[in-house]
PDB file of N, CA and C in Angstrom:
ATOM      1  N   MET A   1     -12.815   7.366 -12.745  1.00  0.00           N
ATOM      2  CA  MET A   1     -11.869   6.356 -12.292  1.00  0.00           C
ATOM      3  C   MET A   1     -11.666   6.537 -10.778  1.00  0.00           C
ATOM      4  N   PRO A   2     -11.606   5.426 -10.030  1.00  0.00           N
ATOM      5  CA  PRO A   2     -11.413   5.541  -8.579  1.00  0.00           C
ATOM      6  C   PRO A   2     -10.049   6.146  -8.243  1.00  0.00           C
ATOM      7  N   LYS A   3      -9.977   6.704  -7.042  1.00  0.00           N
ATOM      8  CA  LYS A   3      -8.772   7.408  -6.619  1.00  0.00           C
ATOM      9  C   LYS A   3      -8.182   6.818  -5.341  1.00  0.00           C
ATOM     10  N   LEU A   4      -6.884   7.033  -5.207  1.00  0.00           N
ATOM     11  CA  LEU A   4      -6.144   6.725  -3.978  1.00  0.00           C
ATOM     12  C   LEU A   4      -5.617   8.041  -3.433  1.00  0.00           C
ATOM     13  N   ILE A   5      -5.617   8.177  -2.127  1.00  0.00           N
ATOM     14  CA  ILE A   5      -5.042   9.354  -1.489  1.00  0.00           C
ATOM     15  C   ILE A   5      -3.858   8.860  -0.679  1.00  0.00           C
ATOM     16  N   VAL A   6      -2.665   9.303  -1.058  1.00  0.00           N
ATOM     17  CA  VAL A   6      -1.442   8.775  -0.457  1.00  0.00           C
ATOM     18  C   VAL A   6      -0.585   9.910   0.089  1.00  0.00           C
ATOM     19  N   LYS A   7      -0.131   9.723   1.321  1.00  0.00           N
ATOM     20  CA  LYS A   7       0.811  10.655   1.927  1.00  0.00           C
ATOM     21  C   LYS A   7       2.203  10.056   1.760  1.00  0.00           C
ATOM     22  N   ILE A   8       3.075  10.810   1.094  1.00  0.00           N
ATOM     23  CA  ILE A   8       4.428  10.328   0.885  1.00  0.00           C
ATOM     24  C   ILE A   8       5.302  10.734   2.075  1.00  0.00           C
ATOM     25  N   ARG A   9       6.529  10.268   2.084  1.00  0.00           N
ATOM     26  CA  ARG A   9       7.393  10.417   3.263  1.00  0.00           C
ATOM     27  C   ARG A   9       7.695  11.857   3.652  1.00  0.00           C
ATOM     28  N   ASN A  10       7.666  12.791   2.718  1.00  0.00           N
ATOM     29  CA  ASN A  10       7.934  14.186   3.077  1.00  0.00           C
ATOM     30  C   ASN A  10       6.701  14.892   3.634  1.00  0.00           C
ATOM     31  N   GLY A  11       5.580  14.166   3.738  1.00  0.00           N
ATOM     32  CA  GLY A  11       4.348  14.726   4.285  1.00  0.00           C
ATOM     33  C   GLY A  11       3.371  15.230   3.245  1.00  0.00           C
ATOM     34  N   ASP A  12       3.798  15.344   1.989  1.00  0.00           N
ATOM     35  CA  ASP A  12       2.893  15.777   0.927  1.00  0.00           C
ATOM     36  C   ASP A  12       1.832  14.706   0.685  1.00  0.00           C
ATOM     37  N   GLU A  13       0.647  15.159   0.326  1.00  0.00           N
ATOM     38  CA  GLU A  13      -0.446  14.244   0.010  1.00  0.00           C
ATOM     39  C   GLU A  13      -0.729  14.334  -1.479  1.00  0.00           C
ATOM     40  N   LYS A  14      -0.879  13.183  -2.104  1.00  0.00           N
ATOM     41  CA  LYS A  14      -1.166  13.125  -3.536  1.00  0.00           C
ATOM     42  C   LYS A  14      -2.450  12.336  -3.746  1.00  0.00           C
ATOM     43  N   VAL A  15      -3.231  12.775  -4.684  1.00  0.00           N
ATOM     44  CA  VAL A  15      -4.430  12.056  -5.110  1.00  0.00           C
ATOM     45  C   VAL A  15      -4.121  11.507  -6.493  1.00  0.00           C
ATOM     46  N   ILE A  16      -4.231  10.192  -6.611  1.00  0.00           N
ATOM     47  CA  ILE A  16      -3.926   9.569  -7.896  1.00  0.00           C
ATOM     48  C   ILE A  16      -5.107   8.726  -8.358  1.00  0.00           C
ATOM     49  N   GLU A  17      -5.274   8.643  -9.641  1.00  0.00           N
ATOM     50  CA  GLU A  17      -6.291   7.772 -10.215  1.00  0.00           C
ATOM     51  C   GLU A  17      -5.692   6.389 -10.367  1.00  0.00           C
ATOM     52  N   ALA A  18      -6.511   5.395 -10.091  1.00  0.00           N
ATOM     53  CA  ALA A  18      -6.030   4.017 -10.152  1.00  0.00           C
ATOM     54  C   ALA A  18      -7.065   3.144 -10.844  1.00  0.00           C
ATOM     55  N   ALA A  19      -6.590   2.295 -11.699  1.00  0.00           N
ATOM     56  CA  ALA A  19      -7.488   1.390 -12.411  1.00  0.00           C
ATOM     57  C   ALA A  19      -7.908   0.236 -11.500  1.00  0.00           C
ATOM     58  N   ALA A  20      -9.191  -0.029 -11.481  1.00  0.00           N
ATOM     59  CA  ALA A  20      -9.679  -1.201 -10.759  1.00  0.00           C
ATOM     60  C   ALA A  20      -9.053  -2.439 -11.389  1.00  0.00           C
ATOM     61  N   GLY A  21      -8.720  -3.407 -10.545  1.00  0.00           N
ATOM     62  CA  GLY A  21      -8.118  -4.637 -11.033  1.00  0.00           C
ATOM     63  C   GLY A  21      -6.606  -4.656 -10.915  1.00  0.00           C
ATOM     64  N   THR A  22      -6.006  -3.537 -10.534  1.00  0.00           N
ATOM     65  CA  THR A  22      -4.572  -3.504 -10.274  1.00  0.00           C
ATOM     66  C   THR A  22      -4.356  -3.562  -8.770  1.00  0.00           C
ATOM     67  N   SER A  23      -3.138  -3.801  -8.356  1.00  0.00           N
ATOM     68  CA  SER A  23      -2.846  -3.731  -6.925  1.00  0.00           C
ATOM     69  C   SER A  23      -2.568  -2.273  -6.569  1.00  0.00           C
ATOM     70  N   VAL A  24      -2.710  -1.947  -5.306  1.00  0.00           N
ATOM     71  CA  VAL A  24      -2.381  -0.598  -4.848  1.00  0.00           C
ATOM     72  C   VAL A  24      -0.915  -0.300  -5.160  1.00  0.00           C
ATOM     73  N   MET A  25      -0.048  -1.289  -4.992  1.00  0.00           N
ATOM     74  CA  MET A  25       1.378  -1.109  -5.301  1.00  0.00           C
ATOM     75  C   MET A  25       1.562  -0.701  -6.753  1.00  0.00           C
ATOM     76  N   GLU A  26       0.894  -1.381  -7.685  1.00  0.00           N
ATOM     77  CA  GLU A  26       1.018  -1.047  -9.103  1.00  0.00           C
ATOM     78  C   GLU A  26       0.536   0.371  -9.374  1.00  0.00           C
ATOM     79  N   ALA A  27      -0.563   0.745  -8.750  1.00  0.00           N
ATOM     80  CA  ALA A  27      -1.105   2.092  -8.944  1.00  0.00           C
ATOM     81  C   ALA A  27      -0.119   3.146  -8.453  1.00  0.00           C
ATOM     82  N   LEU A  28       0.481   2.919  -7.295  1.00  0.00           N
ATOM     83  CA  LEU A  28       1.441   3.882  -6.749  1.00  0.00           C
ATOM     84  C   LEU A  28       2.690   3.963  -7.622  1.00  0.00           C
ATOM     85  N   ARG A  29       3.204   2.830  -8.001  1.00  0.00           N
ATOM     86  CA  ARG A  29       4.403   2.781  -8.841  1.00  0.00           C
ATOM     87  C   ARG A  29       4.141   3.424 -10.202  1.00  0.00           C
ATOM     88  N   ASN A  30       2.980   3.136 -10.786  1.00  0.00           N
ATOM     89  CA  ASN A  30       2.641   3.690 -12.095  1.00  0.00           C
ATOM     90  C   ASN A  30       2.507   5.209 -12.085  1.00  0.00           C
ATOM     91  N   GLU A  31       2.192   5.757 -10.922  1.00  0.00           N
ATOM     92  CA  GLU A  31       2.052   7.207 -10.796  1.00  0.00           C
ATOM     93  C   GLU A  31       3.349   7.879 -10.337  1.00  0.00           C
ATOM     94  N   GLY A  32       4.432   7.108 -10.281  1.00  0.00           N
ATOM     95  CA  GLY A  32       5.732   7.694  -9.974  1.00  0.00           C
ATOM     96  C   GLY A  32       6.011   7.916  -8.504  1.00  0.00           C
ATOM     97  N   ILE A  33       5.314   7.204  -7.635  1.00  0.00           N
ATOM     98  CA  ILE A  33       5.614   7.289  -6.210  1.00  0.00           C
ATOM     99  C   ILE A  33       6.877   6.450  -5.986  1.00  0.00           C
ATOM    100  N   ASP A  34       8.031   7.092  -6.108  1.00  0.00           N
ATOM    101  CA  ASP A  34       9.318   6.392  -6.082  1.00  0.00           C
ATOM    102  C   ASP A  34       9.633   5.737  -4.743  1.00  0.00           C
ATOM    103  N   GLU A  35       8.965   6.159  -3.686  1.00  0.00           N
ATOM    104  CA  GLU A  35       9.206   5.569  -2.369  1.00  0.00           C
ATOM    105  C   GLU A  35       8.709   4.127  -2.286  1.00  0.00           C
ATOM    106  N   ILE A  36       7.858   3.743  -3.207  1.00  0.00           N
ATOM    107  CA  ILE A  36       7.398   2.361  -3.315  1.00  0.00           C
ATOM    108  C   ILE A  36       8.339   1.660  -4.287  1.00  0.00           C
ATOM    109  N   GLN A  37       9.314   0.948  -3.739  1.00  0.00           N
ATOM    110  CA  GLN A  37      10.325   0.319  -4.587  1.00  0.00           C
ATOM    111  C   GLN A  37       9.805  -0.933  -5.270  1.00  0.00           C
ATOM    112  N   ALA A  38       9.003  -1.722  -4.575  1.00  0.00           N
ATOM    113  CA  ALA A  38       8.406  -2.927  -5.161  1.00  0.00           C
ATOM    114  C   ALA A  38       9.454  -3.790  -5.849  1.00  0.00           C
ATOM    115  N   ILE A  39      10.515  -4.063  -5.146  1.00  0.00           N
ATOM    116  CA  ILE A  39      11.649  -4.809  -5.705  1.00  0.00           C
ATOM    117  C   ILE A  39      11.225  -6.170  -6.248  1.00  0.00           C
ATOM    118  N   CYS A  40      10.295  -6.836  -5.574  1.00  0.00           N
ATOM    119  CA  CYS A  40       9.878  -8.176  -6.018  1.00  0.00           C
ATOM    120  C   CYS A  40       8.814  -8.126  -7.112  1.00  0.00           C
ATOM    121  N   GLY A  41       8.378  -6.936  -7.476  1.00  0.00           N
ATOM    122  CA  GLY A  41       7.387  -6.810  -8.539  1.00  0.00           C
ATOM    123  C   GLY A  41       5.978  -7.201  -8.135  1.00  0.00           C
ATOM    124  N   GLY A  42       5.737  -7.302  -6.848  1.00  0.00           N
ATOM    125  CA  GLY A  42       4.395  -7.640  -6.377  1.00  0.00           C
ATOM    126  C   GLY A  42       4.198  -9.089  -6.014  1.00  0.00           C
ATOM    127  N   CYS A  43       5.284  -9.822  -5.850  1.00  0.00           N
ATOM    128  CA  CYS A  43       5.204 -11.259  -5.537  1.00  0.00           C
ATOM    129  C   CYS A  43       5.121 -11.550  -4.040  1.00  0.00           C
ATOM    130  N   CYS A  44       5.009 -10.520  -3.229  1.00  0.00           N
ATOM    131  CA  CYS A  44       4.927 -10.671  -1.771  1.00  0.00           C
ATOM    132  C   CYS A  44       6.157 -11.396  -1.234  1.00  0.00           C
ATOM    133  N   SER A  45       7.336 -10.851  -1.591  1.00  0.00           N
ATOM    134  CA  SER A  45       8.559 -11.478  -1.077  1.00  0.00           C
ATOM    135  C   SER A  45       9.611 -10.470  -0.629  1.00  0.00           C
ATOM    136  N   CYS A  46       9.246  -9.175  -0.496  1.00  0.00           N
ATOM    137  CA  CYS A  46      10.289  -8.226  -0.121  1.00  0.00           C
ATOM    138  C   CYS A  46       9.874  -7.143   0.873  1.00  0.00           C
ATOM    139  N   ALA A  47       8.648  -6.738   0.932  1.00  0.00           N
ATOM    140  CA  ALA A  47       8.131  -5.707   1.841  1.00  0.00           C
ATOM    141  C   ALA A  47       8.604  -4.295   1.509  1.00  0.00           C
ATOM    142  N   THR A  48       9.062  -4.045   0.273  1.00  0.00           N
ATOM    143  CA  THR A  48       9.464  -2.690  -0.096  1.00  0.00           C
ATOM    144  C   THR A  48       8.287  -1.850  -0.604  1.00  0.00           C
ATOM    145  N   CYS A  49       7.085  -2.341  -0.382  1.00  0.00           N
ATOM    146  CA  CYS A  49       5.877  -1.583  -0.734  1.00  0.00           C
ATOM    147  C   CYS A  49       5.000  -1.374   0.507  1.00  0.00           C
ATOM    148  N   HIS A  50       5.649  -1.320   1.659  1.00  0.00           N
ATOM    149  CA  HIS A  50       4.991  -1.193   2.963  1.00  0.00           C
ATOM    150  C   HIS A  50       4.274   0.160   3.063  1.00  0.00           C
ATOM    151  N   VAL A  51       2.997   0.104   3.439  1.00  0.00           N
ATOM    152  CA  VAL A  51       2.190   1.307   3.650  1.00  0.00           C
ATOM    153  C   VAL A  51       1.396   1.165   4.947  1.00  0.00           C
ATOM    154  N   TYR A  52       0.946   2.306   5.445  1.00  0.00           N
ATOM    155  CA  TYR A  52       0.006   2.338   6.560  1.00  0.00           C
ATOM    156  C   TYR A  52      -1.355   2.711   5.992  1.00  0.00           C
ATOM    157  N   VAL A  53      -2.338   1.882   6.239  1.00  0.00           N
ATOM    158  CA  VAL A  53      -3.695   2.111   5.750  1.00  0.00           C
ATOM    159  C   VAL A  53      -4.462   2.873   6.811  1.00  0.00           C
ATOM    160  N   ASP A  54      -5.161   3.921   6.388  1.00  0.00           N
ATOM    161  CA  ASP A  54      -5.989   4.694   7.309  1.00  0.00           C
ATOM    162  C   ASP A  54      -6.945   3.755   8.036  1.00  0.00           C
ATOM    163  N   SER A  55      -7.091   3.950   9.324  1.00  0.00           N
ATOM    164  CA  SER A  55      -7.867   3.018  10.152  1.00  0.00           C
ATOM    165  C   SER A  55      -9.309   2.850   9.681  1.00  0.00           C
ATOM    166  N   ASP A  56      -9.884   3.873   9.070  1.00  0.00           N
ATOM    167  CA  ASP A  56     -11.261   3.768   8.570  1.00  0.00           C
ATOM    168  C   ASP A  56     -11.406   2.750   7.446  1.00  0.00           C
ATOM    169  N   TRP A  57     -10.302   2.367   6.828  1.00  0.00           N
ATOM    170  CA  TRP A  57     -10.335   1.476   5.669  1.00  0.00           C
ATOM    171  C   TRP A  57      -9.923   0.046   5.996  1.00  0.00           C
ATOM    172  N   LEU A  58      -9.325  -0.190   7.137  1.00  0.00           N
ATOM    173  CA  LEU A  58      -8.758  -1.516   7.427  1.00  0.00           C
ATOM    174  C   LEU A  58      -9.760  -2.651   7.306  1.00  0.00           C
ATOM    175  N   GLU A  59     -10.952  -2.458   7.806  1.00  0.00           N
ATOM    176  CA  GLU A  59     -11.951  -3.530   7.786  1.00  0.00           C
ATOM    177  C   GLU A  59     -12.495  -3.803   6.390  1.00  0.00           C
ATOM    178  N   LYS A  60     -12.246  -2.911   5.457  1.00  0.00           N
ATOM    179  CA  LYS A  60     -12.726  -3.091   4.087  1.00  0.00           C
ATOM    180  C   LYS A  60     -11.748  -3.901   3.245  1.00  0.00           C
ATOM    181  N   LEU A  61     -10.579  -4.199   3.804  1.00  0.00           N
ATOM    182  CA  LEU A  61      -9.561  -4.951   3.075  1.00  0.00           C
ATOM    183  C   LEU A  61      -9.594  -6.423   3.464  1.00  0.00           C
ATOM    184  N   ALA A  62      -9.131  -7.258   2.568  1.00  0.00           N
ATOM    185  CA  ALA A  62      -8.973  -8.679   2.894  1.00  0.00           C
ATOM    186  C   ALA A  62      -7.967  -8.801   4.039  1.00  0.00           C
ATOM    187  N   PRO A  63      -8.094  -9.830   4.871  1.00  0.00           N
ATOM    188  CA  PRO A  63      -7.162  -9.991   5.988  1.00  0.00           C
ATOM    189  C   PRO A  63      -5.719 -10.212   5.513  1.00  0.00           C
ATOM    190  N   VAL A  64      -4.790  -9.894   6.388  1.00  0.00           N
ATOM    191  CA  VAL A  64      -3.368 -10.119   6.125  1.00  0.00           C
ATOM    192  C   VAL A  64      -3.126 -11.630   6.045  1.00  0.00           C
ATOM    193  N   THR A  65      -2.415 -12.056   5.013  1.00  0.00           N
ATOM    194  CA  THR A  65      -2.083 -13.475   4.879  1.00  0.00           C
ATOM    195  C   THR A  65      -0.886 -13.802   5.761  1.00  0.00           C
ATOM    196  N   ASP A  66      -0.615 -15.076   5.961  1.00  0.00           N
ATOM    197  CA  ASP A  66       0.538 -15.492   6.764  1.00  0.00           C
ATOM    198  C   ASP A  66       1.846 -14.992   6.173  1.00  0.00           C
ATOM    199  N   VAL A  67       1.984 -15.070   4.859  1.00  0.00           N
ATOM    200  CA  VAL A  67       3.220 -14.625   4.202  1.00  0.00           C
ATOM    201  C   VAL A  67       3.397 -13.114   4.376  1.00  0.00           C
ATOM    202  N   GLU A  68       2.327 -12.363   4.149  1.00  0.00           N
ATOM    203  CA  GLU A  68       2.397 -10.906   4.325  1.00  0.00           C
ATOM    204  C   GLU A  68       2.745 -10.572   5.771  1.00  0.00           C
ATOM    205  N   ASN A  69       2.144 -11.272   6.702  1.00  0.00           N
ATOM    206  CA  ASN A  69       2.403 -11.049   8.126  1.00  0.00           C
ATOM    207  C   ASN A  69       3.884 -11.276   8.459  1.00  0.00           C
ATOM    208  N   GLU A  70       4.458 -12.346   7.936  1.00  0.00           N
ATOM    209  CA  GLU A  70       5.871 -12.643   8.186  1.00  0.00           C
ATOM    210  C   GLU A  70       6.773 -11.547   7.631  1.00  0.00           C
ATOM    211  N   LEU A  71       6.474 -11.074   6.438  1.00  0.00           N
ATOM    212  CA  LEU A  71       7.282 -10.008   5.848  1.00  0.00           C
ATOM    213  C   LEU A  71       7.151  -8.708   6.639  1.00  0.00           C
ATOM    214  N   LEU A  72       5.946  -8.386   7.070  1.00  0.00           N
ATOM    215  CA  LEU A  72       5.753  -7.176   7.869  1.00  0.00           C
ATOM    216  C   LEU A  72       6.477  -7.274   9.208  1.00  0.00           C
ATOM    217  N   ASP A  73       6.575  -8.474   9.751  1.00  0.00           N
ATOM    218  CA  ASP A  73       7.300  -8.663  11.010  1.00  0.00           C
ATOM    219  C   ASP A  73       8.779  -8.308  10.883  1.00  0.00           C
ATOM    220  N   CYS A  74       9.307  -8.342   9.684  1.00  0.00           N
ATOM    221  CA  CYS A  74      10.719  -8.003   9.449  1.00  0.00           C
ATOM    222  C   CYS A  74      10.953  -6.492   9.444  1.00  0.00           C
ATOM    223  N   SER A  75       9.907  -5.716   9.412  1.00  0.00           N
ATOM    224  CA  SER A  75      10.049  -4.265   9.374  1.00  0.00           C
ATOM    225  C   SER A  75      10.138  -3.693  10.779  1.00  0.00           C
ATOM    226  N   SER A  76      11.079  -2.799  10.978  1.00  0.00           N
ATOM    227  CA  SER A  76      11.181  -2.119  12.272  1.00  0.00           C
ATOM    228  C   SER A  76      10.154  -0.995  12.386  1.00  0.00           C
ATOM    229  N   HIS A  77       9.374  -0.778  11.319  1.00  0.00           N
ATOM    230  CA  HIS A  77       8.368   0.279  11.302  1.00  0.00           C
ATOM    231  C   HIS A  77       6.944  -0.271  11.265  1.00  0.00           C
ATOM    232  N   ARG A  78       6.771  -1.540  11.577  1.00  0.00           N
ATOM    233  CA  ARG A  78       5.445  -2.139  11.531  1.00  0.00           C
ATOM    234  C   ARG A  78       4.532  -1.515  12.573  1.00  0.00           C
ATOM    235  N   LYS A  79       3.289  -1.285  12.147  1.00  0.00           N
ATOM    236  CA  LYS A  79       2.229  -0.782  13.020  1.00  0.00           C
ATOM    237  C   LYS A  79       1.009  -1.675  12.833  1.00  0.00           C
ATOM    238  N   SER A  80       0.004  -1.428  13.635  1.00  0.00           N
ATOM    239  CA  SER A  80      -1.213  -2.245  13.541  1.00  0.00           C
ATOM    240  C   SER A  80      -1.935  -2.052  12.206  1.00  0.00           C
ATOM    241  N   ASN A  81      -1.685  -0.961  11.528  1.00  0.00           N
ATOM    242  CA  ASN A  81      -2.337  -0.696  10.246  1.00  0.00           C
ATOM    243  C   ASN A  81      -1.391  -0.889   9.056  1.00  0.00           C
ATOM    244  N   SER A  82      -0.296  -1.605   9.272  1.00  0.00           N
ATOM    245  CA  SER A  82       0.665  -1.886   8.202  1.00  0.00           C
ATOM    246  C   SER A  82       0.110  -2.911   7.225  1.00  0.00           C
ATOM    247  N   ARG A  83       0.370  -2.666   5.951  1.00  0.00           N
ATOM    248  CA  ARG A  83       0.048  -3.614   4.894  1.00  0.00           C
ATOM    249  C   ARG A  83       1.095  -3.509   3.807  1.00  0.00           C
ATOM    250  N   LEU A  84       1.208  -4.562   3.024  1.00  0.00           N
ATOM    251  CA  LEU A  84       2.018  -4.512   1.814  1.00  0.00           C
ATOM    252  C   LEU A  84       1.073  -4.121   0.691  1.00  0.00           C
ATOM    253  N   SER A  85       1.388  -3.035   0.013  1.00  0.00           N
ATOM    254  CA  SER A  85       0.456  -2.527  -0.998  1.00  0.00           C
ATOM    255  C   SER A  85       0.280  -3.478  -2.178  1.00  0.00           C
ATOM    256  N   CYS A  86       1.239  -4.392  -2.371  1.00  0.00           N
ATOM    257  CA  CYS A  86       1.082  -5.391  -3.443  1.00  0.00           C
ATOM    258  C   CYS A  86      -0.013  -6.401  -3.110  1.00  0.00           C
ATOM    259  N   GLN A  87      -0.410  -6.453  -1.855  1.00  0.00           N
ATOM    260  CA  GLN A  87      -1.415  -7.422  -1.423  1.00  0.00           C
ATOM    261  C   GLN A  87      -2.809  -6.815  -1.267  1.00  0.00           C
ATOM    262  N   ILE A  88      -2.954  -5.590  -1.759  1.00  0.00           N
ATOM    263  CA  ILE A  88      -4.257  -4.923  -1.699  1.00  0.00           C
ATOM    264  C   ILE A  88      -4.771  -4.751  -3.124  1.00  0.00           C
ATOM    265  N   PRO A  89      -5.690  -5.616  -3.561  1.00  0.00           N
ATOM    266  CA  PRO A  89      -6.267  -5.433  -4.892  1.00  0.00           C
ATOM    267  C   PRO A  89      -7.170  -4.203  -4.881  1.00  0.00           C
ATOM    268  N   PHE A  90      -6.980  -3.332  -5.843  1.00  0.00           N
ATOM    269  CA  PHE A  90      -7.755  -2.095  -5.885  1.00  0.00           C
ATOM    270  C   PHE A  90      -9.014  -2.290  -6.708  1.00  0.00           C
ATOM    271  N   ASN A  91     -10.119  -1.713  -6.221  1.00  0.00           N
ATOM    272  CA  ASN A  91     -11.391  -1.791  -6.927  1.00  0.00           C
ATOM    273  C   ASN A  91     -12.226  -0.563  -6.590  1.00  0.00           C
ATOM    274  N   GLU A  92     -13.364  -0.438  -7.225  1.00  0.00           N
ATOM    275  CA  GLU A  92     -14.247   0.723  -7.039  1.00  0.00           C
ATOM    276  C   GLU A  92     -14.654   0.930  -5.578  1.00  0.00           C
ATOM    277  N   ALA A  93     -14.802  -0.151  -4.826  1.00  0.00           N
ATOM    278  CA  ALA A  93     -15.206  -0.045  -3.418  1.00  0.00           C
ATOM    279  C   ALA A  93     -14.142   0.637  -2.566  1.00  0.00           C
ATOM    280  N   LEU A  94     -12.917   0.704  -3.074  1.00  0.00           N
ATOM    281  CA  LEU A  94     -11.831   1.345  -2.329  1.00  0.00           C
ATOM    282  C   LEU A  94     -11.556   2.766  -2.818  1.00  0.00           C
ATOM    283  N   ASN A  95     -12.501   3.350  -3.546  1.00  0.00           N
ATOM    284  CA  ASN A  95     -12.351   4.721  -4.010  1.00  0.00           C
ATOM    285  C   ASN A  95     -12.052   5.642  -2.834  1.00  0.00           C
ATOM    286  N   GLU A  96     -10.998   6.435  -2.967  1.00  0.00           N
ATOM    287  CA  GLU A  96     -10.522   7.375  -1.959  1.00  0.00           C
ATOM    288  C   GLU A  96      -9.884   6.689  -0.754  1.00  0.00           C
ATOM    289  N   LEU A  97      -9.383   5.474  -0.956  1.00  0.00           N
ATOM    290  CA  LEU A  97      -8.583   4.793   0.060  1.00  0.00           C
ATOM    291  C   LEU A  97      -7.433   5.697   0.451  1.00  0.00           C
ATOM    292  N   ARG A  98      -7.227   5.863   1.759  1.00  0.00           N
ATOM    293  CA  ARG A  98      -6.154   6.727   2.272  1.00  0.00           C
ATOM    294  C   ARG A  98      -5.049   5.849   2.853  1.00  0.00           C
ATOM    295  N   LEU A  99      -3.820   6.187   2.479  1.00  0.00           N
ATOM    296  CA  LEU A  99      -2.685   5.472   3.032  1.00  0.00           C
ATOM    297  C   LEU A  99      -1.456   6.365   3.086  1.00  0.00           C
ATOM    298  N   THR A 100      -0.476   5.909   3.852  1.00  0.00           N
ATOM    299  CA  THR A 100       0.779   6.628   4.037  1.00  0.00           C
ATOM    300  C   THR A 100       1.915   5.666   3.720  1.00  0.00           C
ATOM    301  N   VAL A 101       2.898   6.127   2.968  1.00  0.00           N
ATOM    302  CA  VAL A 101       4.066   5.298   2.682  1.00  0.00           C
ATOM    303  C   VAL A 101       4.884   5.169   3.967  1.00  0.00           C
ATOM    304  N   ALA A 102       5.182   3.942   4.353  1.00  0.00           N
ATOM    305  CA  ALA A 102       5.956   3.693   5.578  1.00  0.00           C
ATOM    306  C   ALA A 102       7.408   4.111   5.379  1.00  0.00           C
ATOM    307  N   PRO A 103       8.114   4.406   6.471  1.00  0.00           N
ATOM    308  CA  PRO A 103       9.547   4.712   6.355  1.00  0.00           C
ATOM    309  C   PRO A 103      10.307   3.523   5.773  1.00  0.00           C
ATOM    310  N   GLU A 104      11.408   3.812   5.135  1.00  0.00           N
ATOM    311  CA  GLU A 104      12.236   2.762   4.552  1.00  0.00           C
ATOM    312  C   GLU A 104      12.990   2.007   5.639  1.00  0.00           C
ATOM    313  N   ASP A 105      13.046   0.686   5.506  1.00  0.00           N
ATOM    314  CA  ASP A 105      13.811  -0.136   6.456  1.00  0.00           C
ATOM    315  C   ASP A 105      15.259  -0.216   6.030  1.00  0.00           C
TER     316      ASP A 105
END
């Protein structure tokens, strides 16, 4: 099963298995990464699943949509590698995707 490598807010790194066909947000939430609140349930309407994607992986992801961009603009912690994890469909090609949970707004 493909894996995600996630750095949580305290600096610890976790390797989790994730099913292809789920969103990165679902994979993180399902593995108990409580820092991913996902209040909207993945509907791209809250930005509580904000992550920083390792720069080596950015070009492998679909581009940021207008809605995702607007939500990220509301974060005081936005960076050039910011994404909403609910908007990243996970698949085998993203095996060992590295990301960091963004600070809470």
